[in-house]
Amino acid sequence: MTPTAESTGGADADAPTAVDGRGLRRQGLRTRSRLLDAGAAVLAERGYHSARVDDIVRVAQTSHGTFYLYFADKEDLLRALVARCSEELTALATSLGQVGAGPEGEAALREWLGLFLEAYRRNQPVIRAWAEDQPGDPELAGLAAEAFGEVSAALRTRLTESGAGQDGRPKAPVSAVALLAMVERFAYFRTSRDLEPDDEAALDSLARVIHRGFFAGTLAS
């Protein structure tokens, strides 16, 4: 018997669907999520170009027929993984509260940077895969731009609140781009290199530098 994706009428337009466009019920969503988790695990082990649908269905303990109910091919699964990663980073961006100039502001920033590092590490195989495939796929490029655009917008808001553009400091849009570049490269090197010191000490230093340079208005000790 040919497997069928669990579907329901009146599904949310933004909700995941089967390949045939039908909305997914709870069981279908669980199956799709299991395939996504398996895809992420295979990407971490083999890399995008060496990953095969055979590997994904083996890890997910399901069939090729089931895979193709939810994804047209490996590239389609990667787009879904990137979309999931984008949603997580967007939610993280909007969770950053106001960063004051005092110790409480530095502590709040330090906590957020730790969450960003955790999210980046969790999604690192997907981020690496979308970076490899992005030049040939406009949809992936758009998802990447959207995800990091949301992070940049959140940082811009917090920088504006902290007085960016005043007292000779760069304006918020410029500072937000520079700050995002620092945070993303920090996360990249922490997740892809064996570096000293450990994460906690590195995050303490990064939070101190970013807070004093961007939010407190001075790099003085």
N, C-alpha and C. Protein backbone atom coordinates (compact mmCIF):
# COMPACT_ATOMS: atom_id res chain seq x y z
N MET A 1 0.85 -1.20 0.00
CA MET A 1 0.00 0.00 0.00
C MET A 1 0.88 1.25 0.00
N THR A 2 0.56 2.21 -0.88
CA THR A 2 1.36 3.43 -0.97
C THR A 2 1.11 4.30 0.24
N PRO A 3 2.19 4.78 0.95
CA PRO A 3 1.97 5.62 2.12
C PRO A 3 1.37 6.96 1.73
N THR A 4 0.59 7.55 2.61
CA THR A 4 0.00 8.87 2.36
C THR A 4 0.34 9.78 3.52
N ALA A 5 0.60 11.05 3.22
CA ALA A 5 0.87 12.03 4.27
C ALA A 5 -0.43 12.37 4.98
N GLU A 6 -0.36 12.45 6.32
CA GLU A 6 -1.52 12.88 7.08
C GLU A 6 -1.85 14.32 6.69
N SER A 7 -3.11 14.58 6.33
CA SER A 7 -3.48 15.92 5.88
C SER A 7 -4.76 16.36 6.51
N THR A 8 -4.99 17.67 6.41
CA THR A 8 -6.22 18.24 6.93
C THR A 8 -6.57 19.46 6.11
N GLY A 9 -7.84 19.75 5.97
CA GLY A 9 -8.24 20.94 5.25
C GLY A 9 -8.07 22.16 6.11
N GLY A 10 -7.99 23.34 5.44
CA GLY A 10 -7.92 24.60 6.16
C GLY A 10 -6.62 24.81 6.90
N ALA A 11 -5.52 24.25 6.43
CA ALA A 11 -4.24 24.42 7.11
C ALA A 11 -3.75 25.85 6.97
N ASP A 12 -2.99 26.32 7.94
CA ASP A 12 -2.37 27.63 7.88
C ASP A 12 -1.49 27.73 6.65
N ALA A 13 -1.53 28.89 5.99
CA ALA A 13 -0.77 29.05 4.75
C ALA A 13 0.72 28.93 4.98
N ASP A 14 1.19 29.27 6.20
CA ASP A 14 2.62 29.22 6.49
C ASP A 14 3.05 27.89 7.11
N ALA A 15 2.11 27.00 7.35
CA ALA A 15 2.44 25.72 7.98
C ALA A 15 3.09 24.79 6.98
N PRO A 16 3.92 23.83 7.45
CA PRO A 16 4.53 22.86 6.54
C PRO A 16 3.46 22.05 5.82
N THR A 17 3.75 21.69 4.59
CA THR A 17 2.83 20.89 3.80
C THR A 17 3.56 19.69 3.22
N ALA A 18 2.77 18.71 2.73
CA ALA A 18 3.33 17.61 1.97
C ALA A 18 3.72 18.10 0.59
N VAL A 19 4.42 17.25 -0.18
CA VAL A 19 4.85 17.64 -1.52
C VAL A 19 3.66 18.01 -2.39
N ASP A 20 2.53 17.35 -2.18
CA ASP A 20 1.35 17.64 -3.00
C ASP A 20 0.58 18.87 -2.53
N GLY A 21 1.13 19.58 -1.52
CA GLY A 21 0.53 20.82 -1.06
C GLY A 21 -0.48 20.69 0.05
N ARG A 22 -0.81 19.47 0.45
CA ARG A 22 -1.79 19.29 1.52
C ARG A 22 -1.19 19.60 2.89
N GLY A 23 -2.01 20.20 3.76
CA GLY A 23 -1.56 20.47 5.11
C GLY A 23 -1.35 19.19 5.90
N LEU A 24 -0.48 19.25 6.90
CA LEU A 24 -0.12 18.06 7.67
C LEU A 24 -0.82 18.03 9.02
N ARG A 25 -1.31 16.87 9.39
CA ARG A 25 -1.82 16.65 10.73
C ARG A 25 -0.66 16.36 11.68
N ARG A 26 -1.02 16.10 12.94
CA ARG A 26 0.02 15.94 13.96
C ARG A 26 1.00 14.82 13.61
N GLN A 27 0.49 13.67 13.17
CA GLN A 27 1.38 12.56 12.83
C GLN A 27 2.29 12.92 11.67
N GLY A 28 1.72 13.60 10.67
CA GLY A 28 2.54 14.02 9.54
C GLY A 28 3.61 15.00 9.94
N LEU A 29 3.28 15.92 10.84
CA LEU A 29 4.28 16.88 11.32
C LEU A 29 5.40 16.17 12.07
N ARG A 30 5.04 15.14 12.85
CA ARG A 30 6.07 14.39 13.57
C ARG A 30 6.99 13.67 12.59
N THR A 31 6.41 13.07 11.57
CA THR A 31 7.23 12.36 10.58
C THR A 31 8.15 13.33 9.85
N ARG A 32 7.61 14.46 9.48
CA ARG A 32 8.43 15.47 8.79
C ARG A 32 9.55 15.96 9.69
N SER A 33 9.24 16.19 10.96
CA SER A 33 10.26 16.64 11.90
C SER A 33 11.34 15.58 12.07
N ARG A 34 10.94 14.30 12.11
CA ARG A 34 11.93 13.23 12.24
C ARG A 34 12.86 13.19 11.02
N LEU A 35 12.30 13.43 9.84
CA LEU A 35 13.13 13.47 8.64
C LEU A 35 14.08 14.67 8.66
N LEU A 36 13.60 15.80 9.16
CA LEU A 36 14.47 16.97 9.26
C LEU A 36 15.61 16.72 10.24
N ASP A 37 15.29 16.12 11.38
CA ASP A 37 16.33 15.81 12.36
C ASP A 37 17.35 14.83 11.77
N ALA A 38 16.85 13.84 11.04
CA ALA A 38 17.75 12.88 10.39
C ALA A 38 18.62 13.58 9.35
N GLY A 39 18.02 14.49 8.59
CA GLY A 39 18.78 15.23 7.60
C GLY A 39 19.89 16.05 8.23
N ALA A 40 19.59 16.70 9.35
CA ALA A 40 20.61 17.50 10.05
C ALA A 40 21.73 16.61 10.56
N ALA A 41 21.38 15.42 11.07
CA ALA A 41 22.40 14.49 11.57
C ALA A 41 23.30 14.01 10.43
N VAL A 42 22.71 13.74 9.28
CA VAL A 42 23.51 13.28 8.13
C VAL A 42 24.40 14.40 7.62
N LEU A 43 23.89 15.62 7.59
CA LEU A 43 24.72 16.75 7.19
C LEU A 43 25.92 16.91 8.11
N ALA A 44 25.69 16.74 9.42
CA ALA A 44 26.79 16.86 10.37
C ALA A 44 27.84 15.78 10.16
N GLU A 45 27.40 14.59 9.76
CA GLU A 45 28.32 13.47 9.60
C GLU A 45 29.02 13.46 8.25
N ARG A 46 28.29 13.78 7.17
CA ARG A 46 28.81 13.59 5.83
C ARG A 46 29.01 14.87 5.03
N GLY A 47 28.40 15.97 5.47
CA GLY A 47 28.41 17.19 4.67
C GLY A 47 27.33 17.12 3.61
N TYR A 48 26.97 18.29 3.08
CA TYR A 48 25.83 18.36 2.17
C TYR A 48 26.04 17.56 0.88
N HIS A 49 27.18 17.75 0.25
CA HIS A 49 27.37 17.15 -1.07
C HIS A 49 27.49 15.63 -1.01
N SER A 50 27.94 15.10 0.11
CA SER A 50 28.06 13.64 0.24
C SER A 50 26.81 13.01 0.84
N ALA A 51 25.93 13.82 1.37
CA ALA A 51 24.70 13.27 1.98
C ALA A 51 23.79 12.71 0.89
N ARG A 52 23.12 11.61 1.19
CA ARG A 52 22.21 10.98 0.24
C ARG A 52 20.85 10.76 0.92
N VAL A 53 19.82 10.69 0.10
CA VAL A 53 18.50 10.37 0.64
C VAL A 53 18.55 9.01 1.34
N ASP A 54 19.31 8.06 0.79
CA ASP A 54 19.47 6.75 1.43
C ASP A 54 19.91 6.90 2.88
N ASP A 55 20.89 7.80 3.12
CA ASP A 55 21.40 8.00 4.47
C ASP A 55 20.32 8.59 5.38
N ILE A 56 19.56 9.52 4.84
CA ILE A 56 18.55 10.21 5.65
C ILE A 56 17.44 9.26 6.07
N VAL A 57 16.94 8.46 5.13
CA VAL A 57 15.85 7.54 5.50
C VAL A 57 16.35 6.45 6.44
N ARG A 58 17.63 6.09 6.32
CA ARG A 58 18.18 5.10 7.24
C ARG A 58 18.21 5.66 8.66
N VAL A 59 18.69 6.87 8.83
CA VAL A 59 18.75 7.48 10.15
C VAL A 59 17.34 7.72 10.70
N ALA A 60 16.42 8.12 9.83
CA ALA A 60 15.04 8.38 10.26
C ALA A 60 14.25 7.10 10.47
N GLN A 61 14.82 5.98 10.05
CA GLN A 61 14.15 4.67 10.15
C GLN A 61 12.79 4.70 9.45
N THR A 62 12.81 5.18 8.21
CA THR A 62 11.60 5.23 7.41
C THR A 62 11.95 4.83 5.98
N SER A 63 11.03 4.99 5.06
CA SER A 63 11.22 4.53 3.69
C SER A 63 11.44 5.69 2.73
N HIS A 64 11.95 5.35 1.54
CA HIS A 64 12.09 6.36 0.50
C HIS A 64 10.72 6.93 0.13
N GLY A 65 9.70 6.08 0.10
CA GLY A 65 8.37 6.54 -0.24
C GLY A 65 7.88 7.59 0.72
N THR A 66 8.14 7.38 2.00
CA THR A 66 7.73 8.37 3.00
C THR A 66 8.51 9.66 2.82
N PHE A 67 9.81 9.56 2.58
CA PHE A 67 10.62 10.77 2.37
C PHE A 67 10.02 11.62 1.27
N TYR A 68 9.69 10.99 0.15
CA TYR A 68 9.23 11.76 -1.01
C TYR A 68 7.79 12.26 -0.87
N LEU A 69 7.10 11.86 0.17
CA LEU A 69 5.81 12.48 0.48
C LEU A 69 6.01 13.89 1.04
N TYR A 70 7.14 14.10 1.71
CA TYR A 70 7.37 15.37 2.40
C TYR A 70 8.37 16.28 1.70
N PHE A 71 9.28 15.69 0.94
CA PHE A 71 10.32 16.48 0.28
C PHE A 71 10.51 15.98 -1.15
N ALA A 72 10.67 16.92 -2.07
CA ALA A 72 10.85 16.53 -3.47
C ALA A 72 12.21 15.90 -3.70
N ASP A 73 13.22 16.33 -2.95
CA ASP A 73 14.58 15.83 -3.12
C ASP A 73 15.42 16.34 -1.97
N LYS A 74 16.72 16.06 -2.02
CA LYS A 74 17.62 16.49 -0.94
C LYS A 74 17.65 18.01 -0.82
N GLU A 75 17.61 18.71 -1.95
CA GLU A 75 17.65 20.17 -1.94
C GLU A 75 16.41 20.74 -1.25
N ASP A 76 15.27 20.10 -1.47
CA ASP A 76 14.04 20.54 -0.83
C ASP A 76 14.12 20.38 0.68
N LEU A 77 14.70 19.28 1.14
CA LEU A 77 14.89 19.07 2.57
C LEU A 77 15.84 20.13 3.15
N LEU A 78 16.90 20.47 2.42
CA LEU A 78 17.82 21.50 2.90
C LEU A 78 17.09 22.83 3.05
N ARG A 79 16.22 23.17 2.09
CA ARG A 79 15.48 24.42 2.21
C ARG A 79 14.62 24.42 3.48
N ALA A 80 14.00 23.28 3.78
CA ALA A 80 13.18 23.18 4.99
C ALA A 80 14.04 23.32 6.24
N LEU A 81 15.23 22.73 6.23
CA LEU A 81 16.14 22.86 7.36
C LEU A 81 16.58 24.32 7.54
N VAL A 82 16.88 24.98 6.43
CA VAL A 82 17.28 26.38 6.50
C VAL A 82 16.13 27.25 7.01
N ALA A 83 14.92 26.95 6.57
CA ALA A 83 13.76 27.69 7.06
C ALA A 83 13.59 27.51 8.56
N ARG A 84 13.80 26.28 9.05
CA ARG A 84 13.68 26.01 10.49
C ARG A 84 14.77 26.77 11.25
N CYS A 85 15.98 26.77 10.72
CA CYS A 85 17.08 27.50 11.34
C CYS A 85 16.79 29.00 11.34
N SER A 86 16.27 29.50 10.22
CA SER A 86 15.93 30.92 10.11
C SER A 86 14.89 31.33 11.15
N GLU A 87 13.88 30.47 11.36
CA GLU A 87 12.85 30.76 12.36
C GLU A 87 13.46 30.83 13.76
N GLU A 88 14.40 29.93 14.04
CA GLU A 88 15.02 29.93 15.37
C GLU A 88 15.85 31.19 15.59
N LEU A 89 16.62 31.58 14.56
CA LEU A 89 17.45 32.77 14.71
C LEU A 89 16.60 34.03 14.79
N THR A 90 15.49 34.05 14.05
CA THR A 90 14.60 35.21 14.11
C THR A 90 13.99 35.35 15.50
N ALA A 91 13.53 34.22 16.06
CA ALA A 91 12.97 34.25 17.41
C ALA A 91 14.02 34.70 18.42
N LEU A 92 15.24 34.24 18.23
CA LEU A 92 16.33 34.63 19.13
C LEU A 92 16.60 36.12 19.03
N ALA A 93 16.58 36.64 17.80
CA ALA A 93 16.85 38.06 17.60
C ALA A 93 15.84 38.92 18.35
N THR A 94 14.58 38.55 18.25
CA THR A 94 13.54 39.35 18.89
C THR A 94 13.51 39.18 20.40
N SER A 95 14.24 38.18 20.92
CA SER A 95 14.26 37.97 22.37
C SER A 95 15.25 38.88 23.08
N LEU A 96 16.12 39.55 22.32
CA LEU A 96 17.11 40.42 22.95
C LEU A 96 16.42 41.65 23.50
N GLY A 97 16.49 41.81 24.81
CA GLY A 97 15.85 42.95 25.45
C GLY A 97 16.74 44.19 25.40
N GLN A 98 16.31 45.23 26.07
CA GLN A 98 17.08 46.47 26.10
C GLN A 98 18.40 46.23 26.83
N VAL A 99 19.48 46.75 26.24
CA VAL A 99 20.81 46.58 26.80
C VAL A 99 21.25 47.92 27.39
N GLY A 100 21.23 48.01 28.70
CA GLY A 100 21.64 49.25 29.34
C GLY A 100 23.14 49.41 29.39
N ALA A 101 23.58 50.60 29.83
CA ALA A 101 25.01 50.90 29.86
C ALA A 101 25.71 50.32 31.09
N GLY A 102 24.95 49.87 32.09
CA GLY A 102 25.53 49.38 33.32
C GLY A 102 25.78 47.88 33.33
N PRO A 103 26.16 47.34 34.49
CA PRO A 103 26.46 45.91 34.63
C PRO A 103 25.29 45.01 34.25
N GLU A 104 24.06 45.46 34.54
CA GLU A 104 22.90 44.64 34.19
C GLU A 104 22.78 44.49 32.68
N GLY A 105 23.10 45.55 31.96
CA GLY A 105 23.06 45.48 30.50
C GLY A 105 24.10 44.52 29.95
N GLU A 106 25.30 44.57 30.53
CA GLU A 106 26.34 43.63 30.09
C GLU A 106 25.94 42.19 30.38
N ALA A 107 25.32 41.95 31.54
CA ALA A 107 24.90 40.60 31.89
C ALA A 107 23.82 40.09 30.94
N ALA A 108 22.86 40.99 30.58
CA ALA A 108 21.81 40.59 29.65
C ALA A 108 22.40 40.28 28.28
N LEU A 109 23.36 41.08 27.85
CA LEU A 109 24.02 40.84 26.56
C LEU A 109 24.79 39.53 26.60
N ARG A 110 25.46 39.27 27.71
CA ARG A 110 26.23 38.03 27.85
C ARG A 110 25.32 36.80 27.76
N GLU A 111 24.16 36.89 28.37
CA GLU A 111 23.21 35.78 28.31
C GLU A 111 22.74 35.56 26.87
N TRP A 112 22.43 36.64 26.18
CA TRP A 112 21.95 36.53 24.79
C TRP A 112 23.04 35.97 23.88
N LEU A 113 24.26 36.40 24.06
CA LEU A 113 25.37 35.88 23.25
C LEU A 113 25.53 34.38 23.47
N GLY A 114 25.35 33.92 24.71
CA GLY A 114 25.43 32.49 24.98
C GLY A 114 24.34 31.73 24.25
N LEU A 115 23.13 32.29 24.22
CA LEU A 115 22.02 31.65 23.50
C LEU A 115 22.30 31.63 21.99
N PHE A 116 22.88 32.70 21.49
CA PHE A 116 23.21 32.75 20.06
C PHE A 116 24.24 31.69 19.71
N LEU A 117 25.25 31.54 20.56
CA LEU A 117 26.27 30.53 20.31
C LEU A 117 25.66 29.13 20.33
N GLU A 118 24.78 28.87 21.29
CA GLU A 118 24.12 27.56 21.36
C GLU A 118 23.31 27.28 20.09
N ALA A 119 22.55 28.28 19.65
CA ALA A 119 21.73 28.11 18.45
C ALA A 119 22.60 27.91 17.22
N TYR A 120 23.68 28.65 17.13
CA TYR A 120 24.58 28.52 15.98
C TYR A 120 25.23 27.15 15.97
N ARG A 121 25.66 26.70 17.14
CA ARG A 121 26.29 25.38 17.22
C ARG A 121 25.29 24.28 16.85
N ARG A 122 24.07 24.41 17.34
CA ARG A 122 23.03 23.43 17.05
C ARG A 122 22.72 23.36 15.55
N ASN A 123 22.78 24.50 14.89
CA ASN A 123 22.43 24.57 13.47
C ASN A 123 23.65 24.62 12.56
N GLN A 124 24.85 24.43 13.11
CA GLN A 124 26.06 24.61 12.33
C GLN A 124 26.12 23.76 11.06
N PRO A 125 25.72 22.48 11.10
CA PRO A 125 25.74 21.70 9.85
C PRO A 125 24.82 22.27 8.78
N VAL A 126 23.68 22.79 9.21
CA VAL A 126 22.73 23.37 8.26
C VAL A 126 23.28 24.68 7.71
N ILE A 127 23.83 25.52 8.59
CA ILE A 127 24.41 26.80 8.14
C ILE A 127 25.54 26.55 7.15
N ARG A 128 26.38 25.56 7.45
CA ARG A 128 27.47 25.24 6.53
C ARG A 128 26.93 24.76 5.18
N ALA A 129 25.90 23.92 5.23
CA ALA A 129 25.33 23.38 3.99
C ALA A 129 24.69 24.48 3.16
N TRP A 130 23.97 25.39 3.81
CA TRP A 130 23.30 26.43 3.01
C TRP A 130 24.34 27.40 2.46
N ALA A 131 25.47 27.61 3.17
CA ALA A 131 26.53 28.45 2.63
C ALA A 131 27.15 27.81 1.39
N GLU A 132 27.28 26.48 1.41
CA GLU A 132 27.86 25.77 0.27
C GLU A 132 26.94 25.83 -0.94
N ASP A 133 25.62 25.71 -0.72
CA ASP A 133 24.68 25.57 -1.82
C ASP A 133 24.00 26.88 -2.20
N GLN A 134 24.13 27.88 -1.34
CA GLN A 134 23.40 29.13 -1.51
C GLN A 134 23.62 29.81 -2.87
N PRO A 135 24.86 29.86 -3.41
CA PRO A 135 25.04 30.58 -4.66
C PRO A 135 24.17 30.07 -5.80
N GLY A 136 23.81 28.79 -5.79
CA GLY A 136 23.00 28.24 -6.87
C GLY A 136 21.52 28.19 -6.57
N ASP A 137 21.08 28.71 -5.44
CA ASP A 137 19.69 28.60 -5.05
C ASP A 137 19.21 29.93 -4.48
N PRO A 138 18.50 30.73 -5.28
CA PRO A 138 18.03 32.04 -4.81
C PRO A 138 17.15 31.95 -3.56
N GLU A 139 16.38 30.85 -3.42
CA GLU A 139 15.53 30.71 -2.24
C GLU A 139 16.36 30.60 -0.97
N LEU A 140 17.45 29.82 -1.03
CA LEU A 140 18.33 29.72 0.13
C LEU A 140 18.97 31.06 0.45
N ALA A 141 19.39 31.77 -0.59
CA ALA A 141 19.99 33.09 -0.38
C ALA A 141 19.00 34.02 0.29
N GLY A 142 17.73 33.94 -0.12
CA GLY A 142 16.70 34.78 0.48
C GLY A 142 16.46 34.44 1.93
N LEU A 143 16.44 33.14 2.25
CA LEU A 143 16.24 32.71 3.63
C LEU A 143 17.39 33.19 4.51
N ALA A 144 18.62 33.08 4.00
CA ALA A 144 19.78 33.54 4.76
C ALA A 144 19.71 35.03 5.01
N ALA A 145 19.36 35.78 3.97
CA ALA A 145 19.26 37.24 4.11
C ALA A 145 18.17 37.61 5.12
N GLU A 146 17.05 36.88 5.09
CA GLU A 146 15.96 37.16 6.01
C GLU A 146 16.36 36.88 7.45
N ALA A 147 17.02 35.72 7.67
CA ALA A 147 17.40 35.34 9.02
C ALA A 147 18.36 36.35 9.63
N PHE A 148 19.43 36.67 8.91
CA PHE A 148 20.42 37.58 9.46
C PHE A 148 19.93 39.03 9.41
N GLY A 149 18.99 39.31 8.50
CA GLY A 149 18.38 40.64 8.50
C GLY A 149 17.58 40.88 9.77
N GLU A 150 16.87 39.84 10.24
CA GLU A 150 16.11 39.97 11.48
C GLU A 150 17.02 40.18 12.67
N VAL A 151 18.12 39.45 12.71
CA VAL A 151 19.09 39.63 13.80
C VAL A 151 19.65 41.05 13.76
N SER A 152 20.02 41.51 12.56
CA SER A 152 20.57 42.85 12.41
C SER A 152 19.56 43.91 12.83
N ALA A 153 18.29 43.71 12.48
CA ALA A 153 17.25 44.68 12.85
C ALA A 153 17.09 44.76 14.36
N ALA A 154 17.12 43.60 15.02
CA ALA A 154 17.00 43.59 16.48
C ALA A 154 18.18 44.31 17.12
N LEU A 155 19.37 44.06 16.61
CA LEU A 155 20.56 44.74 17.14
C LEU A 155 20.47 46.24 16.88
N ARG A 156 19.97 46.61 15.71
CA ARG A 156 19.84 48.04 15.38
C ARG A 156 18.90 48.74 16.36
N THR A 157 17.82 48.07 16.70
CA THR A 157 16.86 48.65 17.67
C THR A 157 17.52 48.86 19.02
N ARG A 158 18.26 47.84 19.48
CA ARG A 158 18.89 47.96 20.80
C ARG A 158 20.00 49.03 20.78
N LEU A 159 20.71 49.13 19.68
CA LEU A 159 21.76 50.15 19.57
C LEU A 159 21.16 51.55 19.56
N THR A 160 20.04 51.71 18.88
CA THR A 160 19.36 53.01 18.86
C THR A 160 18.94 53.40 20.28
N GLU A 161 18.40 52.43 21.03
CA GLU A 161 18.00 52.69 22.41
C GLU A 161 19.18 53.08 23.28
N SER A 162 20.37 52.57 22.92
CA SER A 162 21.55 52.84 23.74
C SER A 162 22.23 54.16 23.37
N GLY A 163 21.72 54.85 22.32
CA GLY A 163 22.29 56.14 21.96
C GLY A 163 23.25 56.10 20.80
N ALA A 164 23.18 55.05 19.97
CA ALA A 164 24.04 55.00 18.78
C ALA A 164 23.78 56.24 17.92
N GLY A 165 24.87 56.78 17.36
CA GLY A 165 24.77 57.99 16.56
C GLY A 165 24.97 59.25 17.35
N GLN A 166 25.03 59.14 18.68
CA GLN A 166 25.25 60.30 19.53
C GLN A 166 26.69 60.32 20.02
N ASP A 167 27.14 61.49 20.42
CA ASP A 167 28.48 61.65 20.99
C ASP A 167 29.57 61.09 20.08
N GLY A 168 29.37 61.24 18.77
CA GLY A 168 30.40 60.82 17.83
C GLY A 168 30.42 59.34 17.53
N ARG A 169 29.50 58.56 18.14
CA ARG A 169 29.46 57.13 17.87
C ARG A 169 28.79 56.87 16.51
N PRO A 170 29.17 55.76 15.83
CA PRO A 170 28.53 55.44 14.55
C PRO A 170 27.02 55.27 14.72
N LYS A 171 26.28 55.51 13.64
CA LYS A 171 24.83 55.35 13.70
C LYS A 171 24.47 53.87 13.81
N ALA A 172 23.26 53.61 14.26
CA ALA A 172 22.83 52.24 14.55
C ALA A 172 22.92 51.29 13.37
N PRO A 173 22.50 51.68 12.15
CA PRO A 173 22.59 50.72 11.03
C PRO A 173 24.01 50.23 10.77
N VAL A 174 24.97 51.14 10.83
CA VAL A 174 26.37 50.76 10.62
C VAL A 174 26.87 49.90 11.77
N SER A 175 26.56 50.31 12.99
CA SER A 175 26.99 49.55 14.16
C SER A 175 26.38 48.16 14.18
N ALA A 176 25.11 48.04 13.76
CA ALA A 176 24.44 46.74 13.77
C ALA A 176 25.11 45.76 12.84
N VAL A 177 25.51 46.22 11.66
CA VAL A 177 26.20 45.35 10.70
C VAL A 177 27.54 44.89 11.28
N ALA A 178 28.29 45.84 11.86
CA ALA A 178 29.58 45.49 12.45
C ALA A 178 29.41 44.52 13.61
N LEU A 179 28.40 44.77 14.44
CA LEU A 179 28.16 43.92 15.60
C LEU A 179 27.74 42.52 15.18
N LEU A 180 26.86 42.43 14.20
CA LEU A 180 26.44 41.11 13.71
C LEU A 180 27.61 40.34 13.14
N ALA A 181 28.49 41.04 12.40
CA ALA A 181 29.66 40.37 11.85
C ALA A 181 30.55 39.80 12.95
N MET A 182 30.73 40.57 14.03
CA MET A 182 31.53 40.09 15.16
C MET A 182 30.90 38.85 15.81
N VAL A 183 29.59 38.93 16.04
CA VAL A 183 28.91 37.84 16.74
C VAL A 183 28.90 36.57 15.88
N GLU A 184 28.59 36.73 14.58
CA GLU A 184 28.52 35.56 13.70
C GLU A 184 29.89 34.92 13.52
N ARG A 185 30.93 35.73 13.33
CA ARG A 185 32.28 35.16 13.16
C ARG A 185 32.76 34.51 14.45
N PHE A 186 32.42 35.10 15.58
CA PHE A 186 32.76 34.49 16.86
C PHE A 186 32.13 33.10 16.95
N ALA A 187 30.82 33.03 16.65
CA ALA A 187 30.13 31.74 16.72
C ALA A 187 30.71 30.75 15.73
N TYR A 188 31.04 31.22 14.54
CA TYR A 188 31.63 30.34 13.52
C TYR A 188 32.93 29.71 14.01
N PHE A 189 33.82 30.54 14.53
CA PHE A 189 35.11 30.01 14.97
C PHE A 189 34.99 29.13 16.21
N ARG A 190 34.04 29.47 17.10
CA ARG A 190 33.86 28.62 18.28
C ARG A 190 33.32 27.25 17.91
N THR A 191 32.51 27.18 16.85
CA THR A 191 31.91 25.90 16.48
C THR A 191 32.72 25.10 15.47
N SER A 192 33.68 25.74 14.80
CA SER A 192 34.42 25.03 13.76
C SER A 192 35.91 24.87 14.06
N ARG A 193 36.37 25.41 15.18
CA ARG A 193 37.79 25.32 15.53
C ARG A 193 37.92 24.87 16.99
N ASP A 194 39.03 24.25 17.30
CA ASP A 194 39.34 23.87 18.68
C ASP A 194 40.13 25.02 19.29
N LEU A 195 39.44 25.93 19.95
CA LEU A 195 40.06 27.17 20.40
C LEU A 195 40.10 27.28 21.91
N GLU A 196 41.10 27.96 22.40
CA GLU A 196 41.18 28.37 23.80
C GLU A 196 40.84 29.86 23.86
N PRO A 197 40.29 30.35 24.96
CA PRO A 197 39.85 29.62 26.15
C PRO A 197 38.52 28.91 25.89
N ASP A 198 37.90 28.41 26.96
CA ASP A 198 36.63 27.72 26.80
C ASP A 198 35.51 28.72 26.50
N ASP A 199 34.33 28.18 26.20
CA ASP A 199 33.22 29.03 25.79
C ASP A 199 32.90 30.10 26.83
N GLU A 200 32.87 29.72 28.10
CA GLU A 200 32.44 30.66 29.13
C GLU A 200 33.37 31.87 29.20
N ALA A 201 34.67 31.61 29.20
CA ALA A 201 35.63 32.70 29.26
C ALA A 201 35.58 33.55 27.99
N ALA A 202 35.43 32.89 26.84
CA ALA A 202 35.37 33.61 25.57
C ALA A 202 34.12 34.49 25.51
N LEU A 203 32.99 33.96 25.99
CA LEU A 203 31.76 34.75 26.00
C LEU A 203 31.86 35.93 26.95
N ASP A 204 32.51 35.73 28.08
CA ASP A 204 32.71 36.85 29.01
C ASP A 204 33.47 37.98 28.33
N SER A 205 34.55 37.63 27.63
CA SER A 205 35.37 38.65 26.95
C SER A 205 34.59 39.33 25.84
N LEU A 206 33.88 38.53 25.04
CA LEU A 206 33.12 39.11 23.93
C LEU A 206 32.04 40.05 24.46
N ALA A 207 31.32 39.64 25.48
CA ALA A 207 30.28 40.49 26.04
C ALA A 207 30.86 41.80 26.56
N ARG A 208 32.02 41.72 27.19
CA ARG A 208 32.65 42.92 27.74
C ARG A 208 33.03 43.89 26.63
N VAL A 209 33.67 43.37 25.59
CA VAL A 209 34.10 44.22 24.47
C VAL A 209 32.91 44.83 23.75
N ILE A 210 31.90 44.01 23.43
CA ILE A 210 30.73 44.51 22.71
C ILE A 210 29.96 45.52 23.56
N HIS A 211 29.80 45.22 24.83
CA HIS A 211 29.03 46.13 25.68
C HIS A 211 29.72 47.47 25.80
N ARG A 212 30.99 47.46 26.05
CA ARG A 212 31.71 48.72 26.23
C ARG A 212 31.85 49.47 24.91
N GLY A 213 32.06 48.75 23.83
CA GLY A 213 32.26 49.41 22.54
C GLY A 213 30.99 49.90 21.88
N PHE A 214 29.87 49.17 22.07
CA PHE A 214 28.65 49.50 21.35
C PHE A 214 27.55 50.06 22.25
N PHE A 215 27.51 49.67 23.51
CA PHE A 215 26.39 50.05 24.36
C PHE A 215 26.76 51.03 25.47
N ALA A 216 27.98 50.91 25.99
CA ALA A 216 28.40 51.83 27.05
C ALA A 216 29.21 52.99 26.48
N GLY A 217 29.63 52.86 25.23
CA GLY A 217 30.27 53.98 24.57
C GLY A 217 31.74 54.13 24.83
N THR A 218 32.39 53.13 25.45
CA THR A 218 33.83 53.22 25.69
C THR A 218 34.44 51.83 25.75
N LEU A 219 35.68 51.71 25.29
CA LEU A 219 36.44 50.48 25.42
C LEU A 219 37.40 50.53 26.59
N ALA A 220 37.31 51.59 27.37
CA ALA A 220 38.22 51.70 28.52
C ALA A 220 37.88 50.65 29.55
N SER A 221 38.89 50.18 30.28
CA SER A 221 38.65 49.16 31.31
C SER A 221 38.11 49.82 32.56
